[in-house]
């Protein structure tokens, strides 16, 4: 598990937790629940994008390694 995937999972879980907290506070009548919901959506979005970024990096790395394996004699000299 690379650092981007771990950060993405933590961000996504934190965003979900903040969203659930905001909904709980909304039922209780707390006036600041809107800001907590907004922050939760932003954190969730960043976490999700970080997970997607880690998957793209993984695919790109594999394609680079496959390309290097296929043409080991190809030099730019």
C-alpha atoms as a PDB file:
ATOM      1  CA  UNK A   1       0.000   0.000   0.000  1.00  0.00           C
ATOM      2  CA  UNK A   2       1.610   3.251  -1.093  1.00  0.00           C
ATOM      3  CA  UNK A   3       1.367   6.575   0.683  1.00  0.00           C
ATOM      4  CA  UNK A   4      -1.212   8.049  -1.706  1.00  0.00           C
ATOM      5  CA  UNK A   5      -3.585   5.134  -1.304  1.00  0.00           C
ATOM      6  CA  UNK A   6      -3.257   5.285   2.477  1.00  0.00           C
ATOM      7  CA  UNK A   7      -3.867   9.050   2.519  1.00  0.00           C
ATOM      8  CA  UNK A   8      -6.858   8.596   0.227  1.00  0.00           C
ATOM      9  CA  UNK A   9      -8.422   5.941   2.427  1.00  0.00           C
ATOM     10  CA  UNK A  10      -7.887   8.088   5.519  1.00  0.00           C
ATOM     11  CA  UNK A  11      -9.332  11.145   3.766  1.00  0.00           C
ATOM     12  CA  UNK A  12     -12.353   9.275   2.474  1.00  0.00           C
ATOM     13  CA  UNK A  13     -13.072   7.723   5.867  1.00  0.00           C
ATOM     14  CA  UNK A  14     -12.651  11.103   7.575  1.00  0.00           C
ATOM     15  CA  UNK A  15     -15.022  12.722   5.100  1.00  0.00           C
ATOM     16  CA  UNK A  16     -17.634  10.056   5.697  1.00  0.00           C
ATOM     17  CA  UNK A  17     -17.254  10.442   9.455  1.00  0.00           C
ATOM     18  CA  UNK A  18     -17.634  14.219   9.214  1.00  0.00           C
ATOM     19  CA  UNK A  19     -20.719  13.773   7.042  1.00  0.00           C
ATOM     20  CA  UNK A  20     -22.304  11.445   9.556  1.00  0.00           C
ATOM     21  CA  UNK A  21     -21.399  13.837  12.372  1.00  0.00           C
ATOM     22  CA  UNK A  22     -22.977  16.714  10.455  1.00  0.00           C
ATOM     23  CA  UNK A  23     -26.184  14.767   9.917  1.00  0.00           C
ATOM     24  CA  UNK A  24     -26.280  13.810  13.597  1.00  0.00           C
ATOM     25  CA  UNK A  25     -25.807  17.431  14.635  1.00  0.00           C
ATOM     26  CA  UNK A  26     -28.492  18.540  12.167  1.00  0.00           C
ATOM     27  CA  UNK A  27     -31.034  16.346  13.955  1.00  0.00           C
ATOM     28  CA  UNK A  28     -29.932  17.790  17.289  1.00  0.00           C
ATOM     29  CA  UNK A  29     -30.467  21.371  16.153  1.00  0.00           C
ATOM     30  CA  UNK A  30     -26.824  22.504  16.185  1.00  0.00           C
ATOM     31  CA  UNK A  31     -26.516  25.619  14.011  1.00  0.00           C
ATOM     32  CA  UNK A  32     -22.987  24.916  12.741  1.00  0.00           C
ATOM     33  CA  UNK A  33     -23.828  21.593  11.130  1.00  0.00           C
ATOM     34  CA  UNK A  34     -23.739  23.104   7.636  1.00  0.00           C
ATOM     35  CA  UNK A  35     -20.056  23.951   7.880  1.00  0.00           C
ATOM     36  CA  UNK A  36     -19.263  20.465   9.138  1.00  0.00           C
ATOM     37  CA  UNK A  37     -21.151  18.933   6.194  1.00  0.00           C
ATOM     38  CA  UNK A  38     -19.337  21.185   3.711  1.00  0.00           C
ATOM     39  CA  UNK A  39     -15.976  20.326   5.212  1.00  0.00           C
ATOM     40  CA  UNK A  40     -16.874  16.632   5.174  1.00  0.00           C
ATOM     41  CA  UNK A  41     -17.754  16.745   1.471  1.00  0.00           C
ATOM     42  CA  UNK A  42     -14.477  18.514   0.656  1.00  0.00           C
ATOM     43  CA  UNK A  43     -12.395  16.044   2.671  1.00  0.00           C
ATOM     44  CA  UNK A  44     -14.234  13.107   1.099  1.00  0.00           C
ATOM     45  CA  UNK A  45     -13.644  14.504  -2.388  1.00  0.00           C
ATOM     46  CA  UNK A  46      -9.938  15.038  -1.811  1.00  0.00           C
ATOM     47  CA  UNK A  47      -9.616  11.546  -0.359  1.00  0.00           C
ATOM     48  CA  UNK A  48     -11.426   9.992  -3.308  1.00  0.00           C
ATOM     49  CA  UNK A  49      -9.290  11.889  -5.817  1.00  0.00           C
ATOM     50  CA  UNK A  50      -6.158  10.771  -3.977  1.00  0.00           C
ATOM     51  CA  UNK A  51      -7.258   7.137  -4.293  1.00  0.00           C
ATOM     52  CA  UNK A  52      -7.833   7.592  -8.030  1.00  0.00           C
ATOM     53  CA  UNK A  53      -4.427   9.280  -8.344  1.00  0.00           C
ATOM     54  CA  UNK A  54      -2.712   6.358  -6.618  1.00  0.00           C
ATOM     55  CA  UNK A  55      -4.361   3.903  -9.017  1.00  0.00           C
ATOM     56  CA  UNK A  56      -3.277   5.958 -12.029  1.00  0.00           C
ATOM     57  CA  UNK A  57       0.293   6.063 -10.721  1.00  0.00           C
ATOM     58  CA  UNK A  58       0.261   2.290 -10.268  1.00  0.00           C
ATOM     59  CA  UNK A  59      -0.948   1.681 -13.827  1.00  0.00           C
ATOM     60  CA  UNK A  60       1.561   4.150 -15.258  1.00  0.00           C
ATOM     61  CA  UNK A  61       4.430   2.555 -13.347  1.00  0.00           C
ATOM     62  CA  UNK A  62       3.498  -0.899 -14.607  1.00  0.00           C
ATOM     63  CA  UNK A  63       3.376   0.314 -18.215  1.00  0.00           C
ATOM     64  CA  UNK A  64       6.790   1.963 -17.865  1.00  0.00           C
ATOM     65  CA  UNK A  65       8.305  -1.203 -16.437  1.00  0.00           C
ATOM     66  CA  UNK A  66       6.750  -3.311 -19.206  1.00  0.00           C
ATOM     67  CA  UNK A  67       8.130  -0.957 -21.830  1.00  0.00           C
ATOM     68  CA  UNK A  68      11.608  -1.158 -20.370  1.00  0.00           C
ATOM     69  CA  UNK A  69      11.437  -4.949 -20.271  1.00  0.00           C
ATOM     70  CA  UNK A  70      10.423  -5.202 -23.939  1.00  0.00           C
ATOM     71  CA  UNK A  71      13.211  -2.970 -25.339  1.00  0.00           C
ATOM     72  CA  UNK A  72      16.302  -3.361 -23.160  1.00  0.00           C
ATOM     73  CA  UNK A  73      18.654  -2.522 -26.069  1.00  0.00           C
ATOM     74  CA  UNK A  74      16.895   0.716 -27.034  1.00  0.00           C
ATOM     75  CA  UNK A  75      19.208   3.562 -25.978  1.00  0.00           C
ATOM     76  CA  UNK A  76      18.902   7.290 -26.545  1.00  0.00           C
ATOM     77  CA  UNK A  77      22.636   7.666 -27.181  1.00  0.00           C
END
